[in-house]
Amino acid sequence: MQYAKGYFFTTISALNLKDCEAFLEKSPLESCNVPKDVNKGISGAPFSGYRVLNQKHTKLYSLRPFFFTSEPKSVPNGY
């Protein structure tokens, strides 16, 4: 798997992609490493629509962006 500017590439063969999900793994920045569940980055985002790259006979799946944030600040009274 390769990471570059928010993209990852991997070869998946003989799998039923309707059961596949993507998750946040690790932030590249120590100062911004608290995962958020925006677009299901923590709970698991299912693979959905794709487009075909004819030159490589490959399906390119895309997901909405996942996010990390800095340490959460404590809030008085839990609000």
PDB file of N, CA and C in Angstrom:
ATOM      1  N   MET A   1       0.845  -1.174   0.000  1.00  0.00           N
ATOM      2  CA  MET A   1       0.000   0.000   0.000  1.00  0.00           C
ATOM      3  C   MET A   1       0.890   1.236   0.000  1.00  0.00           C
ATOM      4  N   GLN A   2       0.544   2.221  -0.782  1.00  0.00           N
ATOM      5  CA  GLN A   2       1.289   3.470  -0.834  1.00  0.00           C
ATOM      6  C   GLN A   2       0.374   4.615  -0.438  1.00  0.00           C
ATOM      7  N   TYR A   3       0.921   5.556   0.317  1.00  0.00           N
ATOM      8  CA  TYR A   3       0.180   6.745   0.708  1.00  0.00           C
ATOM      9  C   TYR A   3       0.835   7.960   0.064  1.00  0.00           C
ATOM     10  N   ALA A   4       0.021   8.817  -0.483  1.00  0.00           N
ATOM     11  CA  ALA A   4       0.550  10.055  -1.046  1.00  0.00           C
ATOM     12  C   ALA A   4      -0.560  11.086  -1.098  1.00  0.00           C
ATOM     13  N   LYS A   5      -0.426  12.140  -0.346  1.00  0.00           N
ATOM     14  CA  LYS A   5      -1.387  13.243  -0.358  1.00  0.00           C
ATOM     15  C   LYS A   5      -2.816  12.763  -0.157  1.00  0.00           C
ATOM     16  N   GLY A   6      -3.017  11.829   0.787  1.00  0.00           N
ATOM     17  CA  GLY A   6      -4.361  11.381   1.097  1.00  0.00           C
ATOM     18  C   GLY A   6      -4.875  10.231   0.248  1.00  0.00           C
ATOM     19  N   TYR A   7      -4.076   9.733  -0.654  1.00  0.00           N
ATOM     20  CA  TYR A   7      -4.491   8.623  -1.491  1.00  0.00           C
ATOM     21  C   TYR A   7      -3.770   7.360  -1.063  1.00  0.00           C
ATOM     22  N   PHE A   8      -4.419   6.224  -1.250  1.00  0.00           N
ATOM     23  CA  PHE A   8      -3.718   4.967  -1.058  1.00  0.00           C
ATOM     24  C   PHE A   8      -4.066   4.046  -2.210  1.00  0.00           C
ATOM     25  N   PHE A   9      -3.120   3.232  -2.567  1.00  0.00           N
ATOM     26  CA  PHE A   9      -3.282   2.300  -3.665  1.00  0.00           C
ATOM     27  C   PHE A   9      -2.948   0.906  -3.169  1.00  0.00           C
ATOM     28  N   THR A  10      -3.794  -0.031  -3.500  1.00  0.00           N
ATOM     29  CA  THR A  10      -3.528  -1.408  -3.124  1.00  0.00           C
ATOM     30  C   THR A  10      -4.192  -2.330  -4.142  1.00  0.00           C
ATOM     31  N   THR A  11      -3.698  -3.510  -4.255  1.00  0.00           N
ATOM     32  CA  THR A  11      -4.285  -4.501  -5.136  1.00  0.00           C
ATOM     33  C   THR A  11      -5.163  -5.425  -4.300  1.00  0.00           C
ATOM     34  N   ILE A  12      -6.398  -5.533  -4.710  1.00  0.00           N
ATOM     35  CA  ILE A  12      -7.346  -6.415  -4.034  1.00  0.00           C
ATOM     36  C   ILE A  12      -7.881  -7.360  -5.099  1.00  0.00           C
ATOM     37  N   SER A  13      -7.725  -8.643  -4.865  1.00  0.00           N
ATOM     38  CA  SER A  13      -8.213  -9.592  -5.855  1.00  0.00           C
ATOM     39  C   SER A  13      -9.144 -10.605  -5.201  1.00  0.00           C
ATOM     40  N   ALA A  14     -10.103 -11.056  -5.977  1.00  0.00           N
ATOM     41  CA  ALA A  14     -11.042 -12.109  -5.571  1.00  0.00           C
ATOM     42  C   ALA A  14     -11.764 -11.785  -4.266  1.00  0.00           C
ATOM     43  N   LEU A  15     -12.096 -10.528  -4.054  1.00  0.00           N
ATOM     44  CA  LEU A  15     -12.855 -10.150  -2.869  1.00  0.00           C
ATOM     45  C   LEU A  15     -14.189  -9.556  -3.277  1.00  0.00           C
ATOM     46  N   ASN A  16     -15.162  -9.689  -2.426  1.00  0.00           N
ATOM     47  CA  ASN A  16     -16.440  -9.048  -2.638  1.00  0.00           C
ATOM     48  C   ASN A  16     -16.366  -7.677  -1.969  1.00  0.00           C
ATOM     49  N   LEU A  17     -16.191  -6.624  -2.724  1.00  0.00           N
ATOM     50  CA  LEU A  17     -15.964  -5.305  -2.157  1.00  0.00           C
ATOM     51  C   LEU A  17     -17.172  -4.705  -1.453  1.00  0.00           C
ATOM     52  N   LYS A  18     -18.336  -5.315  -1.580  1.00  0.00           N
ATOM     53  CA  LYS A  18     -19.477  -4.762  -0.847  1.00  0.00           C
ATOM     54  C   LYS A  18     -19.299  -4.960   0.654  1.00  0.00           C
ATOM     55  N   ASP A  19     -18.411  -5.857   1.057  1.00  0.00           N
ATOM     56  CA  ASP A  19     -18.152  -6.099   2.473  1.00  0.00           C
ATOM     57  C   ASP A  19     -16.886  -5.398   2.970  1.00  0.00           C
ATOM     58  N   CYS A  20     -16.222  -4.609   2.126  1.00  0.00           N
ATOM     59  CA  CYS A  20     -14.972  -3.955   2.516  1.00  0.00           C
ATOM     60  C   CYS A  20     -15.246  -2.555   3.069  1.00  0.00           C
ATOM     61  N   GLU A  21     -14.451  -2.193   4.084  1.00  0.00           N
ATOM     62  CA  GLU A  21     -14.541  -0.866   4.676  1.00  0.00           C
ATOM     63  C   GLU A  21     -13.138  -0.306   4.859  1.00  0.00           C
ATOM     64  N   ALA A  22     -13.038   1.009   4.826  1.00  0.00           N
ATOM     65  CA  ALA A  22     -11.772   1.698   5.074  1.00  0.00           C
ATOM     66  C   ALA A  22     -11.842   2.382   6.430  1.00  0.00           C
ATOM     67  N   PHE A  23     -10.702   2.433   7.128  1.00  0.00           N
ATOM     68  CA  PHE A  23     -10.611   3.037   8.452  1.00  0.00           C
ATOM     69  C   PHE A  23      -9.398   3.954   8.527  1.00  0.00           C
ATOM     70  N   LEU A  24      -9.477   4.953   9.404  1.00  0.00           N
ATOM     71  CA  LEU A  24      -8.300   5.759   9.716  1.00  0.00           C
ATOM     72  C   LEU A  24      -7.282   4.855  10.386  1.00  0.00           C
ATOM     73  N   GLU A  25      -6.022   5.032  10.051  1.00  0.00           N
ATOM     74  CA  GLU A  25      -4.991   4.194  10.653  1.00  0.00           C
ATOM     75  C   GLU A  25      -4.041   5.008  11.514  1.00  0.00           C
ATOM     76  N   LYS A  26      -3.333   5.942  10.909  1.00  0.00           N
ATOM     77  CA  LYS A  26      -2.315   6.695  11.647  1.00  0.00           C
ATOM     78  C   LYS A  26      -2.113   8.044  10.986  1.00  0.00           C
ATOM     79  N   SER A  27      -2.026   9.068  11.816  1.00  0.00           N
ATOM     80  CA  SER A  27      -1.780  10.407  11.310  1.00  0.00           C
ATOM     81  C   SER A  27      -0.293  10.588  11.019  1.00  0.00           C
ATOM     82  N   PRO A  28       0.050  11.311   9.973  1.00  0.00           N
ATOM     83  CA  PRO A  28       1.456  11.598   9.704  1.00  0.00           C
ATOM     84  C   PRO A  28       2.024  12.695  10.617  1.00  0.00           C
ATOM     85  N   LEU A  29       1.144  13.370  11.386  1.00  0.00           N
ATOM     86  CA  LEU A  29       1.574  14.474  12.248  1.00  0.00           C
ATOM     87  C   LEU A  29       1.338  14.139  13.710  1.00  0.00           C
ATOM     88  N   GLU A  30       2.375  14.242  14.527  1.00  0.00           N
ATOM     89  CA  GLU A  30       2.216  13.992  15.956  1.00  0.00           C
ATOM     90  C   GLU A  30       1.324  15.030  16.621  1.00  0.00           C
ATOM     91  N   SER A  31       1.324  16.253  16.120  1.00  0.00           N
ATOM     92  CA  SER A  31       0.537  17.329  16.724  1.00  0.00           C
ATOM     93  C   SER A  31      -0.937  17.294  16.308  1.00  0.00           C
ATOM     94  N   CYS A  32      -1.280  16.397  15.419  1.00  0.00           N
ATOM     95  CA  CYS A  32      -2.660  16.304  14.923  1.00  0.00           C
ATOM     96  C   CYS A  32      -2.976  14.821  14.718  1.00  0.00           C
ATOM     97  N   ASN A  33      -3.171  14.091  15.830  1.00  0.00           N
ATOM     98  CA  ASN A  33      -3.292  12.638  15.709  1.00  0.00           C
ATOM     99  C   ASN A  33      -4.506  12.038  16.416  1.00  0.00           C
ATOM    100  N   VAL A  34      -5.510  12.862  16.727  1.00  0.00           N
ATOM    101  CA  VAL A  34      -6.729  12.356  17.351  1.00  0.00           C
ATOM    102  C   VAL A  34      -7.746  12.087  16.236  1.00  0.00           C
ATOM    103  N   PRO A  35      -8.101  10.824  16.001  1.00  0.00           N
ATOM    104  CA  PRO A  35      -9.019  10.522  14.903  1.00  0.00           C
ATOM    105  C   PRO A  35     -10.432  11.011  15.188  1.00  0.00           C
ATOM    106  N   LYS A  36     -11.119  11.435  14.138  1.00  0.00           N
ATOM    107  CA  LYS A  36     -12.521  11.852  14.222  1.00  0.00           C
ATOM    108  C   LYS A  36     -13.333  10.895  13.352  1.00  0.00           C
ATOM    109  N   ASP A  37     -14.596  10.703  13.685  1.00  0.00           N
ATOM    110  CA  ASP A  37     -15.418   9.782  12.902  1.00  0.00           C
ATOM    111  C   ASP A  37     -16.139  10.484  11.752  1.00  0.00           C
ATOM    112  N   VAL A  38     -15.590  11.590  11.288  1.00  0.00           N
ATOM    113  CA  VAL A  38     -16.145  12.282  10.132  1.00  0.00           C
ATOM    114  C   VAL A  38     -16.084  11.324   8.943  1.00  0.00           C
ATOM    115  N   ASN A  39     -17.176  11.193   8.237  1.00  0.00           N
ATOM    116  CA  ASN A  39     -17.276  10.298   7.075  1.00  0.00           C
ATOM    117  C   ASN A  39     -16.936   8.847   7.419  1.00  0.00           C
ATOM    118  N   LYS A  40     -17.175   8.466   8.671  1.00  0.00           N
ATOM    119  CA  LYS A  40     -16.998   7.097   9.164  1.00  0.00           C
ATOM    120  C   LYS A  40     -15.540   6.639   9.161  1.00  0.00           C
ATOM    121  N   GLY A  41     -14.623   7.570   9.427  1.00  0.00           N
ATOM    122  CA  GLY A  41     -13.201   7.222   9.464  1.00  0.00           C
ATOM    123  C   GLY A  41     -12.848   6.282  10.596  1.00  0.00           C
ATOM    124  N   ILE A  42     -13.595   6.313  11.710  1.00  0.00           N
ATOM    125  CA  ILE A  42     -13.334   5.410  12.835  1.00  0.00           C
ATOM    126  C   ILE A  42     -14.238   4.181  12.753  1.00  0.00           C
ATOM    127  N   SER A  43     -15.514   4.385  12.473  1.00  0.00           N
ATOM    128  CA  SER A  43     -16.466   3.274  12.481  1.00  0.00           C
ATOM    129  C   SER A  43     -16.402   2.422  11.218  1.00  0.00           C
ATOM    130  N   GLY A  44     -15.802   2.931  10.155  1.00  0.00           N
ATOM    131  CA  GLY A  44     -15.630   2.149   8.932  1.00  0.00           C
ATOM    132  C   GLY A  44     -16.485   2.661   7.793  1.00  0.00           C
ATOM    133  N   ALA A  45     -15.855   3.142   6.760  1.00  0.00           N
ATOM    134  CA  ALA A  45     -16.545   3.663   5.576  1.00  0.00           C
ATOM    135  C   ALA A  45     -16.591   2.584   4.502  1.00  0.00           C
ATOM    136  N   PRO A  46     -17.787   2.195   4.084  1.00  0.00           N
ATOM    137  CA  PRO A  46     -17.872   1.151   3.052  1.00  0.00           C
ATOM    138  C   PRO A  46     -17.400   1.655   1.694  1.00  0.00           C
ATOM    139  N   PHE A  47     -16.777   0.772   0.936  1.00  0.00           N
ATOM    140  CA  PHE A  47     -16.414   1.097  -0.437  1.00  0.00           C
ATOM    141  C   PHE A  47     -17.718   1.239  -1.210  1.00  0.00           C
ATOM    142  N   SER A  48     -17.776   2.212  -2.081  1.00  0.00           N
ATOM    143  CA  SER A  48     -18.996   2.382  -2.862  1.00  0.00           C
ATOM    144  C   SER A  48     -18.629   2.606  -4.318  1.00  0.00           C
ATOM    145  N   GLY A  49     -19.161   3.636  -4.917  1.00  0.00           N
ATOM    146  CA  GLY A  49     -18.965   3.865  -6.339  1.00  0.00           C
ATOM    147  C   GLY A  49     -17.516   3.841  -6.798  1.00  0.00           C
ATOM    148  N   TYR A  50     -17.332   3.534  -8.049  1.00  0.00           N
ATOM    149  CA  TYR A  50     -15.987   3.477  -8.630  1.00  0.00           C
ATOM    150  C   TYR A  50     -16.047   3.940 -10.071  1.00  0.00           C
ATOM    151  N   ARG A  51     -14.881   4.216 -10.603  1.00  0.00           N
ATOM    152  CA  ARG A  51     -14.750   4.452 -12.035  1.00  0.00           C
ATOM    153  C   ARG A  51     -13.671   3.517 -12.553  1.00  0.00           C
ATOM    154  N   VAL A  52     -13.748   3.187 -13.825  1.00  0.00           N
ATOM    155  CA  VAL A  52     -12.808   2.239 -14.420  1.00  0.00           C
ATOM    156  C   VAL A  52     -11.681   3.004 -15.098  1.00  0.00           C
ATOM    157  N   LEU A  53     -10.451   2.612 -14.755  1.00  0.00           N
ATOM    158  CA  LEU A  53      -9.272   3.158 -15.428  1.00  0.00           C
ATOM    159  C   LEU A  53      -8.942   2.197 -16.568  1.00  0.00           C
ATOM    160  N   ASN A  54      -9.364   2.547 -17.767  1.00  0.00           N
ATOM    161  CA  ASN A  54      -9.233   1.626 -18.897  1.00  0.00           C
ATOM    162  C   ASN A  54      -7.798   1.236 -19.209  1.00  0.00           C
ATOM    163  N   GLN A  55      -6.867   2.188 -19.037  1.00  0.00           N
ATOM    164  CA  GLN A  55      -5.480   1.899 -19.387  1.00  0.00           C
ATOM    165  C   GLN A  55      -4.917   0.768 -18.525  1.00  0.00           C
ATOM    166  N   LYS A  56      -5.365   0.678 -17.290  1.00  0.00           N
ATOM    167  CA  LYS A  56      -4.816  -0.320 -16.373  1.00  0.00           C
ATOM    168  C   LYS A  56      -5.825  -1.413 -16.045  1.00  0.00           C
ATOM    169  N   HIS A  57      -6.994  -1.389 -16.670  1.00  0.00           N
ATOM    170  CA  HIS A  57      -8.052  -2.364 -16.400  1.00  0.00           C
ATOM    171  C   HIS A  57      -8.296  -2.472 -14.902  1.00  0.00           C
ATOM    172  N   THR A  58      -8.462  -1.321 -14.281  1.00  0.00           N
ATOM    173  CA  THR A  58      -8.558  -1.221 -12.827  1.00  0.00           C
ATOM    174  C   THR A  58      -9.783  -0.421 -12.439  1.00  0.00           C
ATOM    175  N   LYS A  59     -10.403  -0.799 -11.325  1.00  0.00           N
ATOM    176  CA  LYS A  59     -11.500  -0.014 -10.762  1.00  0.00           C
ATOM    177  C   LYS A  59     -10.904   0.905  -9.702  1.00  0.00           C
ATOM    178  N   LEU A  60     -11.222   2.194  -9.793  1.00  0.00           N
ATOM    179  CA  LEU A  60     -10.738   3.176  -8.835  1.00  0.00           C
ATOM    180  C   LEU A  60     -11.902   3.567  -7.930  1.00  0.00           C
ATOM    181  N   TYR A  61     -11.826   3.141  -6.667  1.00  0.00           N
ATOM    182  CA  TYR A  61     -12.848   3.470  -5.672  1.00  0.00           C
ATOM    183  C   TYR A  61     -12.431   4.742  -4.950  1.00  0.00           C
ATOM    184  N   SER A  62     -13.413   5.522  -4.537  1.00  0.00           N
ATOM    185  CA  SER A  62     -13.096   6.733  -3.778  1.00  0.00           C
ATOM    186  C   SER A  62     -13.989   6.806  -2.544  1.00  0.00           C
ATOM    187  N   LEU A  63     -13.472   7.464  -1.535  1.00  0.00           N
ATOM    188  CA  LEU A  63     -14.188   7.669  -0.281  1.00  0.00           C
ATOM    189  C   LEU A  63     -14.152   9.146   0.051  1.00  0.00           C
ATOM    190  N   ARG A  64     -15.065   9.564   0.903  1.00  0.00           N
ATOM    191  CA  ARG A  64     -15.009  10.939   1.383  1.00  0.00           C
ATOM    192  C   ARG A  64     -13.823  11.057   2.331  1.00  0.00           C
ATOM    193  N   PRO A  65     -13.300  12.264   2.549  1.00  0.00           N
ATOM    194  CA  PRO A  65     -12.089  12.428   3.360  1.00  0.00           C
ATOM    195  C   PRO A  65     -12.290  12.048   4.829  1.00  0.00           C
ATOM    196  N   PHE A  66     -11.229  11.519   5.427  1.00  0.00           N
ATOM    197  CA  PHE A  66     -11.170  11.228   6.857  1.00  0.00           C
ATOM    198  C   PHE A  66     -10.355  12.336   7.512  1.00  0.00           C
ATOM    199  N   PHE A  67     -10.532  12.495   8.843  1.00  0.00           N
ATOM    200  CA  PHE A  67      -9.874  13.608   9.524  1.00  0.00           C
ATOM    201  C   PHE A  67      -9.244  13.210  10.851  1.00  0.00           C
ATOM    202  N   PHE A  68      -8.147  13.863  11.166  1.00  0.00           N
ATOM    203  CA  PHE A  68      -7.527  13.853  12.488  1.00  0.00           C
ATOM    204  C   PHE A  68      -7.597  15.278  13.012  1.00  0.00           C
ATOM    205  N   THR A  69      -7.521  15.429  14.329  1.00  0.00           N
ATOM    206  CA  THR A  69      -7.488  16.753  14.936  1.00  0.00           C
ATOM    207  C   THR A  69      -6.442  16.726  16.037  1.00  0.00           C
ATOM    208  N   SER A  70      -6.179  17.878  16.626  1.00  0.00           N
ATOM    209  CA  SER A  70      -5.254  17.935  17.754  1.00  0.00           C
ATOM    210  C   SER A  70      -5.983  17.431  19.002  1.00  0.00           C
ATOM    211  N   GLU A  71      -5.295  17.313  20.122  1.00  0.00           N
ATOM    212  CA  GLU A  71      -5.910  16.828  21.369  1.00  0.00           C
ATOM    213  C   GLU A  71      -7.174  17.616  21.679  1.00  0.00           C
ATOM    214  N   PRO A  72      -8.236  16.925  22.038  1.00  0.00           N
ATOM    215  CA  PRO A  72      -9.453  17.660  22.396  1.00  0.00           C
ATOM    216  C   PRO A  72      -9.256  18.461  23.681  1.00  0.00           C
ATOM    217  N   LYS A  73      -9.846  19.626  23.715  1.00  0.00           N
ATOM    218  CA  LYS A  73      -9.758  20.463  24.914  1.00  0.00           C
ATOM    219  C   LYS A  73     -10.904  20.101  25.839  1.00  0.00           C
ATOM    220  N   SER A  74     -10.641  20.079  27.149  1.00  0.00           N
ATOM    221  CA  SER A  74     -11.702  19.775  28.111  1.00  0.00           C
ATOM    222  C   SER A  74     -12.658  20.967  28.171  1.00  0.00           C
ATOM    223  N   VAL A  75     -13.914  20.642  28.340  1.00  0.00           N
ATOM    224  CA  VAL A  75     -14.951  21.663  28.354  1.00  0.00           C
ATOM    225  C   VAL A  75     -15.665  21.604  29.701  1.00  0.00           C
ATOM    226  N   PRO A  76     -15.875  22.734  30.360  1.00  0.00           N
ATOM    227  CA  PRO A  76     -16.577  22.732  31.646  1.00  0.00           C
ATOM    228  C   PRO A  76     -17.989  22.169  31.494  1.00  0.00           C
ATOM    229  N   ASN A  77     -18.431  21.414  32.471  1.00  0.00           N
ATOM    230  CA  ASN A  77     -19.767  20.820  32.504  1.00  0.00           C
ATOM    231  C   ASN A  77     -20.038  19.841  31.360  1.00  0.00           C
ATOM    232  N   GLY A  78     -18.999  19.425  30.668  1.00  0.00           N
ATOM    233  CA  GLY A  78     -19.173  18.448  29.593  1.00  0.00           C
ATOM    234  C   GLY A  78     -19.829  18.982  28.338  1.00  0.00           C
ATOM    235  N   TYR A  79     -19.960  20.290  28.203  1.00  0.00           N
ATOM    236  CA  TYR A  79     -20.587  20.871  27.011  1.00  0.00           C
ATOM    237  C   TYR A  79     -19.578  21.620  26.194  1.00  0.00           C
TER     238      TYR A  79
END
